[in-house]
Amino acid sequence: MEVKALKKRSYLRAGFMGVFTSNFTFIPFITIFTYALLGNNVTPDKAFFAVAIFNVMTEVMMYFVPNAAASIGELLTSINRMEVW
């Protein structure tokens, strides 16, 4: 049971790391592209600010969310193990 939980945790972490590496370029590009398609004027200062904000948000979300999910999984595994005793 514990091995299954660790396996799920590893898959979850691998998925988040895959998304993490692609977010630095993909999400700001799509956002700026959509902003331009809506008829707004994209200037370098707006694009730089958007990329900077996305980098901060991505780092926070991609470091803390996987750790929180892994901690919850470990917590549930520990609770199940204690209930068996």
PDB file of N, CA and C in Angstrom:
ATOM      1  N   MET A   1       0.826  -1.198   0.000  1.00  0.00           N
ATOM      2  CA  MET A   1       0.000   0.000   0.000  1.00  0.00           C
ATOM      3  C   MET A   1       0.871   1.263   0.000  1.00  0.00           C
ATOM      4  N   GLU A   2       1.916   1.228   0.788  1.00  0.00           N
ATOM      5  CA  GLU A   2       2.802   2.387   0.851  1.00  0.00           C
ATOM      6  C   GLU A   2       3.555   2.572  -0.456  1.00  0.00           C
ATOM      7  N   VAL A   3       3.923   1.461  -1.081  1.00  0.00           N
ATOM      8  CA  VAL A   3       4.631   1.534  -2.359  1.00  0.00           C
ATOM      9  C   VAL A   3       3.725   2.142  -3.427  1.00  0.00           C
ATOM     10  N   LYS A   4       2.435   1.791  -3.390  1.00  0.00           N
ATOM     11  CA  LYS A   4       1.489   2.372  -4.343  1.00  0.00           C
ATOM     12  C   LYS A   4       1.365   3.878  -4.143  1.00  0.00           C
ATOM     13  N   ALA A   5       1.335   4.310  -2.883  1.00  0.00           N
ATOM     14  CA  ALA A   5       1.242   5.745  -2.596  1.00  0.00           C
ATOM     15  C   ALA A   5       2.490   6.468  -3.069  1.00  0.00           C
ATOM     16  N   LEU A   6       3.655   5.871  -2.849  1.00  0.00           N
ATOM     17  CA  LEU A   6       4.895   6.488  -3.316  1.00  0.00           C
ATOM     18  C   LEU A   6       4.951   6.534  -4.841  1.00  0.00           C
ATOM     19  N   LYS A   7       4.423   5.510  -5.486  1.00  0.00           N
ATOM     20  CA  LYS A   7       4.395   5.480  -6.949  1.00  0.00           C
ATOM     21  C   LYS A   7       3.487   6.585  -7.488  1.00  0.00           C
ATOM     22  N   LYS A   8       2.294   6.744  -6.869  1.00  0.00           N
ATOM     23  CA  LYS A   8       1.394   7.817  -7.280  1.00  0.00           C
ATOM     24  C   LYS A   8       2.035   9.176  -7.061  1.00  0.00           C
ATOM     25  N   ARG A   9       2.736   9.322  -5.942  1.00  0.00           N
ATOM     26  CA  ARG A   9       3.419  10.585  -5.635  1.00  0.00           C
ATOM     27  C   ARG A   9       4.477  10.895  -6.695  1.00  0.00           C
ATOM     28  N   SER A  10       5.213   9.890  -7.104  1.00  0.00           N
ATOM     29  CA  SER A  10       6.247  10.095  -8.121  1.00  0.00           C
ATOM     30  C   SER A  10       5.639  10.492  -9.462  1.00  0.00           C
ATOM     31  N   TYR A  11       4.521   9.860  -9.830  1.00  0.00           N
ATOM     32  CA  TYR A  11       3.851  10.236 -11.071  1.00  0.00           C
ATOM     33  C   TYR A  11       3.315  11.659 -11.001  1.00  0.00           C
ATOM     34  N   LEU A  12       2.744  12.007  -9.863  1.00  0.00           N
ATOM     35  CA  LEU A  12       2.228  13.360  -9.686  1.00  0.00           C
ATOM     36  C   LEU A  12       3.347  14.391  -9.789  1.00  0.00           C
ATOM     37  N   ARG A  13       4.448  14.114  -9.129  1.00  0.00           N
ATOM     38  CA  ARG A  13       5.585  15.038  -9.165  1.00  0.00           C
ATOM     39  C   ARG A  13       6.155  15.153 -10.575  1.00  0.00           C
ATOM     40  N   ALA A  14       6.228  14.033 -11.302  1.00  0.00           N
ATOM     41  CA  ALA A  14       6.735  14.070 -12.678  1.00  0.00           C
ATOM     42  C   ALA A  14       5.814  14.882 -13.573  1.00  0.00           C
ATOM     43  N   GLY A  15       4.506  14.719 -13.384  1.00  0.00           N
ATOM     44  CA  GLY A  15       3.556  15.506 -14.176  1.00  0.00           C
ATOM     45  C   GLY A  15       3.678  16.993 -13.902  1.00  0.00           C
ATOM     46  N   PHE A  16       3.785  17.349 -12.631  1.00  0.00           N
ATOM     47  CA  PHE A  16       3.930  18.760 -12.291  1.00  0.00           C
ATOM     48  C   PHE A  16       5.240  19.334 -12.816  1.00  0.00           C
ATOM     49  N   MET A  17       6.304  18.563 -12.776  1.00  0.00           N
ATOM     50  CA  MET A  17       7.573  19.071 -13.296  1.00  0.00           C
ATOM     51  C   MET A  17       7.528  19.238 -14.810  1.00  0.00           C
ATOM     52  N   GLY A  18       6.802  18.369 -15.496  1.00  0.00           N
ATOM     53  CA  GLY A  18       6.636  18.535 -16.941  1.00  0.00           C
ATOM     54  C   GLY A  18       5.868  19.802 -17.274  1.00  0.00           C
ATOM     55  N   VAL A  19       4.802  20.044 -16.526  1.00  0.00           N
ATOM     56  CA  VAL A  19       4.031  21.269 -16.723  1.00  0.00           C
ATOM     57  C   VAL A  19       4.869  22.488 -16.334  1.00  0.00           C
ATOM     58  N   PHE A  20       5.643  22.352 -15.283  1.00  0.00           N
ATOM     59  CA  PHE A  20       6.478  23.444 -14.794  1.00  0.00           C
ATOM     60  C   PHE A  20       7.460  23.916 -15.860  1.00  0.00           C
ATOM     61  N   THR A  21       8.104  22.986 -16.532  1.00  0.00           N
ATOM     62  CA  THR A  21       9.096  23.379 -17.528  1.00  0.00           C
ATOM     63  C   THR A  21       8.464  24.022 -18.763  1.00  0.00           C
ATOM     64  N   SER A  22       7.243  23.614 -19.092  1.00  0.00           N
ATOM     65  CA  SER A  22       6.606  24.195 -20.269  1.00  0.00           C
ATOM     66  C   SER A  22       5.892  25.511 -19.969  1.00  0.00           C
ATOM     67  N   ASN A  23       5.557  25.753 -18.723  1.00  0.00           N
ATOM     68  CA  ASN A  23       4.815  26.961 -18.364  1.00  0.00           C
ATOM     69  C   ASN A  23       5.595  28.247 -18.576  1.00  0.00           C
ATOM     70  N   PHE A  24       6.892  28.207 -18.418  1.00  0.00           N
ATOM     71  CA  PHE A  24       7.685  29.426 -18.525  1.00  0.00           C
ATOM     72  C   PHE A  24       7.609  30.067 -19.904  1.00  0.00           C
ATOM     73  N   THR A  25       7.339  29.271 -20.911  1.00  0.00           N
ATOM     74  CA  THR A  25       7.241  29.846 -22.258  1.00  0.00           C
ATOM     75  C   THR A  25       5.828  29.783 -22.825  1.00  0.00           C
ATOM     76  N   PHE A  26       5.126  28.713 -22.559  1.00  0.00           N
ATOM     77  CA  PHE A  26       3.830  28.489 -23.198  1.00  0.00           C
ATOM     78  C   PHE A  26       2.733  29.416 -22.673  1.00  0.00           C
ATOM     79  N   ILE A  27       2.556  29.499 -21.396  1.00  0.00           N
ATOM     80  CA  ILE A  27       1.459  30.272 -20.813  1.00  0.00           C
ATOM     81  C   ILE A  27       1.601  31.778 -21.089  1.00  0.00           C
ATOM     82  N   PRO A  28       2.781  32.392 -20.867  1.00  0.00           N
ATOM     83  CA  PRO A  28       2.879  33.824 -21.220  1.00  0.00           C
ATOM     84  C   PRO A  28       2.650  34.079 -22.709  1.00  0.00           C
ATOM     85  N   PHE A  29       3.134  33.183 -23.564  1.00  0.00           N
ATOM     86  CA  PHE A  29       2.938  33.361 -24.998  1.00  0.00           C
ATOM     87  C   PHE A  29       1.451  33.347 -25.344  1.00  0.00           C
ATOM     88  N   ILE A  30       0.721  32.366 -24.830  1.00  0.00           N
ATOM     89  CA  ILE A  30      -0.718  32.261 -25.114  1.00  0.00           C
ATOM     90  C   ILE A  30      -1.452  33.487 -24.571  1.00  0.00           C
ATOM     91  N   THR A  31      -1.078  33.942 -23.398  1.00  0.00           N
ATOM     92  CA  THR A  31      -1.742  35.101 -22.796  1.00  0.00           C
ATOM     93  C   THR A  31      -1.511  36.365 -23.601  1.00  0.00           C
ATOM     94  N   ILE A  32      -0.269  36.615 -23.978  1.00  0.00           N
ATOM     95  CA  ILE A  32       0.049  37.821 -24.756  1.00  0.00           C
ATOM     96  C   ILE A  32      -0.578  37.738 -26.146  1.00  0.00           C
ATOM     97  N   PHE A  33      -0.572  36.549 -26.717  1.00  0.00           N
ATOM     98  CA  PHE A  33      -1.190  36.344 -28.027  1.00  0.00           C
ATOM     99  C   PHE A  33      -2.693  36.621 -27.966  1.00  0.00           C
ATOM    100  N   THR A  34      -3.345  36.116 -26.936  1.00  0.00           N
ATOM    101  CA  THR A  34      -4.783  36.358 -26.762  1.00  0.00           C
ATOM    102  C   THR A  34      -5.065  37.832 -26.524  1.00  0.00           C
ATOM    103  N   TYR A  35      -4.234  38.465 -25.729  1.00  0.00           N
ATOM    104  CA  TYR A  35      -4.363  39.898 -25.464  1.00  0.00           C
ATOM    105  C   TYR A  35      -4.290  40.697 -26.772  1.00  0.00           C
ATOM    106  N   ALA A  36      -3.363  40.309 -27.649  1.00  0.00           N
ATOM    107  CA  ALA A  36      -3.225  40.990 -28.937  1.00  0.00           C
ATOM    108  C   ALA A  36      -4.408  40.693 -29.850  1.00  0.00           C
ATOM    109  N   LEU A  37      -4.926  39.460 -29.824  1.00  0.00           N
ATOM    110  CA  LEU A  37      -6.070  39.112 -30.654  1.00  0.00           C
ATOM    111  C   LEU A  37      -7.337  39.862 -30.246  1.00  0.00           C
ATOM    112  N   LEU A  38      -7.409  40.251 -29.005  1.00  0.00           N
ATOM    113  CA  LEU A  38      -8.567  41.007 -28.532  1.00  0.00           C
ATOM    114  C   LEU A  38      -8.509  42.479 -28.948  1.00  0.00           C
ATOM    115  N   GLY A  39      -7.483  42.838 -29.697  1.00  0.00           N
ATOM    116  CA  GLY A  39      -7.393  44.183 -30.235  1.00  0.00           C
ATOM    117  C   GLY A  39      -6.582  45.152 -29.405  1.00  0.00           C
ATOM    118  N   ASN A  40      -5.871  44.649 -28.399  1.00  0.00           N
ATOM    119  CA  ASN A  40      -5.055  45.518 -27.558  1.00  0.00           C
ATOM    120  C   ASN A  40      -3.666  45.684 -28.147  1.00  0.00           C
ATOM    121  N   ASN A  41      -3.035  46.775 -27.823  1.00  0.00           N
ATOM    122  CA  ASN A  41      -1.683  47.064 -28.287  1.00  0.00           C
ATOM    123  C   ASN A  41      -0.676  46.427 -27.333  1.00  0.00           C
ATOM    124  N   VAL A  42       0.123  45.518 -27.842  1.00  0.00           N
ATOM    125  CA  VAL A  42       1.139  44.855 -27.016  1.00  0.00           C
ATOM    126  C   VAL A  42       2.443  45.626 -27.161  1.00  0.00           C
ATOM    127  N   THR A  43       2.918  46.142 -26.057  1.00  0.00           N
ATOM    128  CA  THR A  43       4.197  46.857 -26.030  1.00  0.00           C
ATOM    129  C   THR A  43       5.199  46.016 -25.246  1.00  0.00           C
ATOM    130  N   PRO A  44       6.487  46.283 -25.425  1.00  0.00           N
ATOM    131  CA  PRO A  44       7.488  45.494 -24.693  1.00  0.00           C
ATOM    132  C   PRO A  44       7.333  45.576 -23.177  1.00  0.00           C
ATOM    133  N   ASP A  45       6.946  46.742 -22.660  1.00  0.00           N
ATOM    134  CA  ASP A  45       6.813  46.836 -21.205  1.00  0.00           C
ATOM    135  C   ASP A  45       5.640  45.993 -20.699  1.00  0.00           C
ATOM    136  N   LYS A  46       4.553  45.922 -21.441  1.00  0.00           N
ATOM    137  CA  LYS A  46       3.421  45.079 -21.048  1.00  0.00           C
ATOM    138  C   LYS A  46       3.802  43.595 -21.126  1.00  0.00           C
ATOM    139  N   ALA A  47       4.495  43.235 -22.186  1.00  0.00           N
ATOM    140  CA  ALA A  47       4.903  41.838 -22.352  1.00  0.00           C
ATOM    141  C   ALA A  47       5.891  41.435 -21.256  1.00  0.00           C
ATOM    142  N   PHE A  48       6.850  42.288 -20.952  1.00  0.00           N
ATOM    143  CA  PHE A  48       7.828  41.980 -19.911  1.00  0.00           C
ATOM    144  C   PHE A  48       7.146  41.833 -18.559  1.00  0.00           C
ATOM    145  N   PHE A  49       6.225  42.735 -18.259  1.00  0.00           N
ATOM    146  CA  PHE A  49       5.508  42.669 -16.981  1.00  0.00           C
ATOM    147  C   PHE A  49       4.692  41.379 -16.881  1.00  0.00           C
ATOM    148  N   ALA A  50       4.018  41.010 -17.962  1.00  0.00           N
ATOM    149  CA  ALA A  50       3.215  39.781 -17.955  1.00  0.00           C
ATOM    150  C   ALA A  50       4.094  38.553 -17.744  1.00  0.00           C
ATOM    151  N   VAL A  51       5.228  38.501 -18.416  1.00  0.00           N
ATOM    152  CA  VAL A  51       6.135  37.363 -18.256  1.00  0.00           C
ATOM    153  C   VAL A  51       6.691  37.312 -16.836  1.00  0.00           C
ATOM    154  N   ALA A  52       7.038  38.464 -16.278  1.00  0.00           N
ATOM    155  CA  ALA A  52       7.562  38.500 -14.907  1.00  0.00           C
ATOM    156  C   ALA A  52       6.521  38.013 -13.907  1.00  0.00           C
ATOM    157  N   ILE A  53       5.283  38.453 -14.061  1.00  0.00           N
ATOM    158  CA  ILE A  53       4.216  38.016 -13.157  1.00  0.00           C
ATOM    159  C   ILE A  53       3.958  36.519 -13.303  1.00  0.00           C
ATOM    160  N   PHE A  54       3.931  36.025 -14.525  1.00  0.00           N
ATOM    161  CA  PHE A  54       3.718  34.597 -14.730  1.00  0.00           C
ATOM    162  C   PHE A  54       4.852  33.766 -14.138  1.00  0.00           C
ATOM    163  N   ASN A  55       6.072  34.252 -14.229  1.00  0.00           N
ATOM    164  CA  ASN A  55       7.190  33.518 -13.644  1.00  0.00           C
ATOM    165  C   ASN A  55       7.040  33.409 -12.132  1.00  0.00           C
ATOM    166  N   VAL A  56       6.640  34.479 -11.488  1.00  0.00           N
ATOM    167  CA  VAL A  56       6.451  34.445 -10.035  1.00  0.00           C
ATOM    168  C   VAL A  56       5.316  33.492  -9.681  1.00  0.00           C
ATOM    169  N   MET A  57       4.196  33.609 -10.383  1.00  0.00           N
ATOM    170  CA  MET A  57       3.050  32.740 -10.092  1.00  0.00           C
ATOM    171  C   MET A  57       3.378  31.273 -10.368  1.00  0.00           C
ATOM    172  N   THR A  58       4.083  31.006 -11.438  1.00  0.00           N
ATOM    173  CA  THR A  58       4.409  29.631 -11.798  1.00  0.00           C
ATOM    174  C   THR A  58       5.329  29.012 -10.762  1.00  0.00           C
ATOM    175  N   GLU A  59       6.335  29.755 -10.327  1.00  0.00           N
ATOM    176  CA  GLU A  59       7.254  29.215  -9.331  1.00  0.00           C
ATOM    177  C   GLU A  59       6.524  28.861  -8.045  1.00  0.00           C
ATOM    178  N   VAL A  60       5.662  29.765  -7.581  1.00  0.00           N
ATOM    179  CA  VAL A  60       4.930  29.509  -6.342  1.00  0.00           C
ATOM    180  C   VAL A  60       4.019  28.299  -6.498  1.00  0.00           C
ATOM    181  N   MET A  61       3.257  28.265  -7.580  1.00  0.00           N
ATOM    182  CA  MET A  61       2.309  27.165  -7.777  1.00  0.00           C
ATOM    183  C   MET A  61       3.012  25.833  -8.002  1.00  0.00           C
ATOM    184  N   MET A  62       4.093  25.835  -8.709  1.00  0.00           N
ATOM    185  CA  MET A  62       4.727  24.578  -9.051  1.00  0.00           C
ATOM    186  C   MET A  62       5.644  24.061  -7.949  1.00  0.00           C
ATOM    187  N   TYR A  63       6.018  24.887  -7.005  1.00  0.00           N
ATOM    188  CA  TYR A  63       6.801  24.390  -5.876  1.00  0.00           C
ATOM    189  C   TYR A  63       5.903  23.965  -4.720  1.00  0.00           C
ATOM    190  N   PHE A  64       4.863  24.718  -4.441  1.00  0.00           N
ATOM    191  CA  PHE A  64       4.061  24.445  -3.258  1.00  0.00           C
ATOM    192  C   PHE A  64       2.919  23.470  -3.498  1.00  0.00           C
ATOM    193  N   VAL A  65       2.298  23.487  -4.653  1.00  0.00           N
ATOM    194  CA  VAL A  65       1.174  22.585  -4.919  1.00  0.00           C
ATOM    195  C   VAL A  65       1.618  21.118  -4.932  1.00  0.00           C
ATOM    196  N   PRO A  66       2.696  20.740  -5.617  1.00  0.00           N
ATOM    197  CA  PRO A  66       3.103  19.323  -5.570  1.00  0.00           C
ATOM    198  C   PRO A  66       3.503  18.878  -4.161  1.00  0.00           C
ATOM    199  N   ASN A  67       4.182  19.766  -3.435  1.00  0.00           N
ATOM    200  CA  ASN A  67       4.566  19.397  -2.078  1.00  0.00           C
ATOM    201  C   ASN A  67       3.343  19.231  -1.189  1.00  0.00           C
ATOM    202  N   ALA A  68       2.348  20.073  -1.359  1.00  0.00           N
ATOM    203  CA  ALA A  68       1.114  19.945  -0.582  1.00  0.00           C
ATOM    204  C   ALA A  68       0.397  18.651  -0.942  1.00  0.00           C
ATOM    205  N   ALA A  69       0.312  18.327  -2.228  1.00  0.00           N
ATOM    206  CA  ALA A  69      -0.344  17.088  -2.653  1.00  0.00           C
ATOM    207  C   ALA A  69       0.404  15.872  -2.128  1.00  0.00           C
ATOM    208  N   ALA A  70       1.733  15.921  -2.168  1.00  0.00           N
ATOM    209  CA  ALA A  70       2.525  14.803  -1.655  1.00  0.00           C
ATOM    210  C   ALA A  70       2.349  14.664  -0.147  1.00  0.00           C
ATOM    211  N   SER A  71       2.303  15.775   0.549  1.00  0.00           N
ATOM    212  CA  SER A  71       2.117  15.729   2.002  1.00  0.00           C
ATOM    213  C   SER A  71       0.744  15.177   2.364  1.00  0.00           C
ATOM    214  N   ILE A  72      -0.267  15.545   1.615  1.00  0.00           N
ATOM    215  CA  ILE A  72      -1.609  15.011   1.868  1.00  0.00           C
ATOM    216  C   ILE A  72      -1.629  13.504   1.616  1.00  0.00           C
ATOM    217  N   GLY A  73      -0.977  13.069   0.567  1.00  0.00           N
ATOM    218  CA  GLY A  73      -0.895  11.634   0.291  1.00  0.00           C
ATOM    219  C   GLY A  73      -0.183  10.876   1.395  1.00  0.00           C
ATOM    220  N   GLU A  74       0.912  11.439   1.885  1.00  0.00           N
ATOM    221  CA  GLU A  74       1.629  10.807   2.984  1.00  0.00           C
ATOM    222  C   GLU A  74       0.788  10.795   4.252  1.00  0.00           C
ATOM    223  N   LEU A  75       0.050  11.867   4.483  1.00  0.00           N
ATOM    224  CA  LEU A  75      -0.825  11.948   5.648  1.00  0.00           C
ATOM    225  C   LEU A  75      -1.904  10.868   5.594  1.00  0.00           C
ATOM    226  N   LEU A  76      -2.538  10.734   4.434  1.00  0.00           N
ATOM    227  CA  LEU A  76      -3.587   9.719   4.295  1.00  0.00           C
ATOM    228  C   LEU A  76      -3.028   8.307   4.453  1.00  0.00           C
ATOM    229  N   THR A  77      -1.841   8.067   3.927  1.00  0.00           N
ATOM    230  CA  THR A  77      -1.208   6.758   4.077  1.00  0.00           C
ATOM    231  C   THR A  77      -0.899   6.469   5.535  1.00  0.00           C
ATOM    232  N   SER A  78      -0.391   7.471   6.236  1.00  0.00           N
ATOM    233  CA  SER A  78      -0.086   7.290   7.658  1.00  0.00           C
ATOM    234  C   SER A  78      -1.352   7.050   8.470  1.00  0.00           C
ATOM    235  N   ILE A  79      -2.408   7.771   8.174  1.00  0.00           N
ATOM    236  CA  ILE A  79      -3.680   7.577   8.894  1.00  0.00           C
ATOM    237  C   ILE A  79      -4.221   6.179   8.642  1.00  0.00           C
ATOM    238  N   ASN A  80      -4.176   5.734   7.394  1.00  0.00           N
ATOM    239  CA  ASN A  80      -4.637   4.373   7.081  1.00  0.00           C
ATOM    240  C   ASN A  80      -3.802   3.328   7.794  1.00  0.00           C
ATOM    241  N   ARG A  81      -2.506   3.541   7.871  1.00  0.00           N
ATOM    242  CA  ARG A  81      -1.622   2.602   8.554  1.00  0.00           C
ATOM    243  C   ARG A  81      -1.933   2.545  10.039  1.00  0.00           C
ATOM    244  N   MET A  82      -2.230   3.702  10.655  1.00  0.00           N
ATOM    245  CA  MET A  82      -2.560   3.730  12.080  1.00  0.00           C
ATOM    246  C   MET A  82      -3.911   3.083  12.355  1.00  0.00           C
ATOM    247  N   GLU A  83      -4.851   3.215  11.428  1.00  0.00           N
ATOM    248  CA  GLU A  83      -6.167   2.608  11.622  1.00  0.00           C
ATOM    249  C   GLU A  83      -6.102   1.096  11.576  1.00  0.00           C
ATOM    250  N   VAL A  84      -5.164   0.557  10.833  1.00  0.00           N
ATOM    251  CA  VAL A  84      -5.010  -0.893  10.751  1.00  0.00           C
ATOM    252  C   VAL A  84      -4.544  -1.449  12.086  1.00  0.00           C
ATOM    253  N   TRP A  85      -3.700  -0.727  12.792  1.00  0.00           N
ATOM    254  CA  TRP A  85      -3.188  -1.184  14.082  1.00  0.00           C
ATOM    255  C   TRP A  85      -4.330  -1.205  15.021  1.00  0.00           C
TER     256      TRP A  85
END
